Amino acid sequence: MARHGLIGNLLPIAVFIELAGAILLVVGYRTRFTCLTLAGFCVVTALLFHANFADKTQMFHFLKNAAIAGGLLALYVSGPGRMSFDGLGEGAE
C-alpha cells in the first residue's frame, strides 16, 4: 500500500472490512448494506491498485475485482434468503 502512496496503517482497516463483510454475508446480517459496501471497496481497490492495464497480471486482478463487485451487486438485488438473519422475520404473516 505504501508503494501506491497510501498510508501503511490502512492495511488493518482493509483486512477488517474484508473479514467483517465476509462474516456478515455468510450469516446474512445487513446483507444489502454489506453488499454495497464491499462492492464499493472492490471498485476502489481495483482503481487504486490494479489500473495498470499494460500489465496482464494487473488487468487480471482488475477484472477479478470487477467480477466480485458484480456478484455482490447481484446479491444486493436478490436480497438475503429466508435462512439469513435478515430473512427470519419475513413471511411470518
Protein backbone atom coordinates (compact mmCIF):
# COMPACT_ATOMS: atom_id res chain seq x y z
CA MET A 1 0.00 0.00 0.00
CA ALA A 2 2.87 2.36 0.77
CA ARG A 3 4.24 1.72 -2.71
CA HIS A 4 1.00 3.20 -4.11
CA GLY A 5 1.19 6.29 -1.91
CA LEU A 6 -1.24 5.17 0.76
CA ILE A 7 -0.63 5.05 4.48
CA GLY A 8 0.51 1.62 5.66
CA ASN A 9 -1.75 1.89 8.70
CA LEU A 10 -4.76 1.41 6.41
CA LEU A 11 -3.92 -2.28 5.90
CA PRO A 12 -5.52 -3.48 9.18
CA ILE A 13 -8.64 -1.47 8.33
CA ALA A 14 -8.81 -3.09 4.88
CA VAL A 15 -8.40 -6.56 6.39
CA PHE A 16 -11.13 -5.81 8.94
CA ILE A 17 -13.54 -4.62 6.22
CA GLU A 18 -12.94 -7.77 4.18
CA LEU A 19 -13.28 -10.20 7.10
CA ALA A 20 -16.23 -8.48 8.76
CA GLY A 21 -18.01 -8.16 5.41
CA ALA A 22 -17.49 -11.84 4.64
CA ILE A 23 -18.84 -12.89 8.04
CA LEU A 24 -21.86 -10.59 7.72
CA LEU A 25 -22.64 -12.03 4.28
CA VAL A 26 -22.31 -15.63 5.45
CA VAL A 27 -24.76 -15.14 8.32
CA GLY A 28 -26.99 -12.83 6.31
CA TYR A 29 -26.99 -9.83 8.62
CA ARG A 30 -27.48 -6.40 6.98
CA THR A 31 -26.91 -8.10 3.65
CA ARG A 32 -27.79 -5.27 1.29
CA PHE A 33 -25.70 -2.67 3.11
CA THR A 34 -22.78 -5.10 3.31
CA CYS A 35 -23.04 -5.88 -0.40
CA LEU A 36 -22.92 -2.22 -1.37
CA THR A 37 -20.02 -1.56 1.00
CA LEU A 38 -17.95 -4.49 -0.26
CA ALA A 39 -18.77 -3.76 -3.90
CA GLY A 40 -17.59 -0.19 -3.44
CA PHE A 41 -14.47 -1.46 -1.68
CA CYS A 42 -13.74 -3.78 -4.62
CA VAL A 43 -14.16 -1.00 -7.18
CA VAL A 44 -11.96 1.42 -5.22
CA THR A 45 -9.33 -1.27 -4.73
CA ALA A 46 -9.35 -2.12 -8.42
CA LEU A 47 -8.98 1.50 -9.46
CA LEU A 48 -6.25 2.30 -6.93
CA PHE A 49 -4.09 -0.81 -7.16
CA HIS A 50 -4.84 -2.57 -10.45
CA ALA A 51 -5.32 0.18 -13.03
CA ASN A 52 -2.10 -0.58 -14.97
CA PHE A 53 -3.77 -2.22 -17.96
CA ALA A 54 -0.48 -2.68 -19.81
CA ASP A 55 0.44 -5.37 -17.26
CA LYS A 56 -1.58 -8.55 -17.85
CA THR A 57 -1.42 -9.54 -14.18
CA GLN A 58 -2.85 -6.19 -13.09
CA MET A 59 -5.56 -6.45 -15.74
CA PHE A 60 -6.45 -9.91 -14.41
CA HIS A 61 -6.76 -8.58 -10.86
CA PHE A 62 -8.78 -5.57 -12.05
CA LEU A 63 -11.25 -7.84 -13.83
CA LYS A 64 -11.37 -10.16 -10.78
CA ASN A 65 -12.34 -7.23 -8.56
CA ALA A 66 -14.92 -6.10 -11.12
CA ALA A 67 -16.42 -9.61 -11.18
CA ILE A 68 -16.59 -9.74 -7.38
CA ALA A 69 -18.29 -6.33 -7.33
CA GLY A 70 -20.78 -7.58 -9.93
CA GLY A 71 -21.56 -10.66 -7.86
CA LEU A 72 -22.07 -8.54 -4.76
CA LEU A 73 -24.44 -6.25 -6.66
CA ALA A 74 -26.37 -9.31 -7.88
CA LEU A 75 -26.72 -10.41 -4.25
CA TYR A 76 -27.83 -6.88 -3.37
CA VAL A 77 -30.62 -7.09 -5.96
CA SER A 78 -31.77 -10.60 -5.00
CA GLY A 79 -31.54 -9.93 -1.27
CA PRO A 80 -30.94 -12.33 1.58
CA GLY A 81 -32.57 -15.72 1.77
CA ARG A 82 -35.10 -16.96 4.31
CA MET A 83 -32.40 -18.64 6.40
CA SER A 84 -30.48 -15.39 6.98
CA PHE A 85 -30.81 -13.08 9.95
CA ASP A 86 -32.38 -10.52 7.62
CA GLY A 87 -34.91 -13.07 6.35
CA LEU A 88 -36.02 -14.50 9.69
CA GLY A 89 -38.86 -12.03 10.21
CA GLU A 90 -40.13 -12.18 6.63
CA GLY A 91 -43.08 -14.33 5.70
CA ALA A 92 -44.34 -14.72 9.26
CA GLU A 93 -47.82 -13.41 8.44
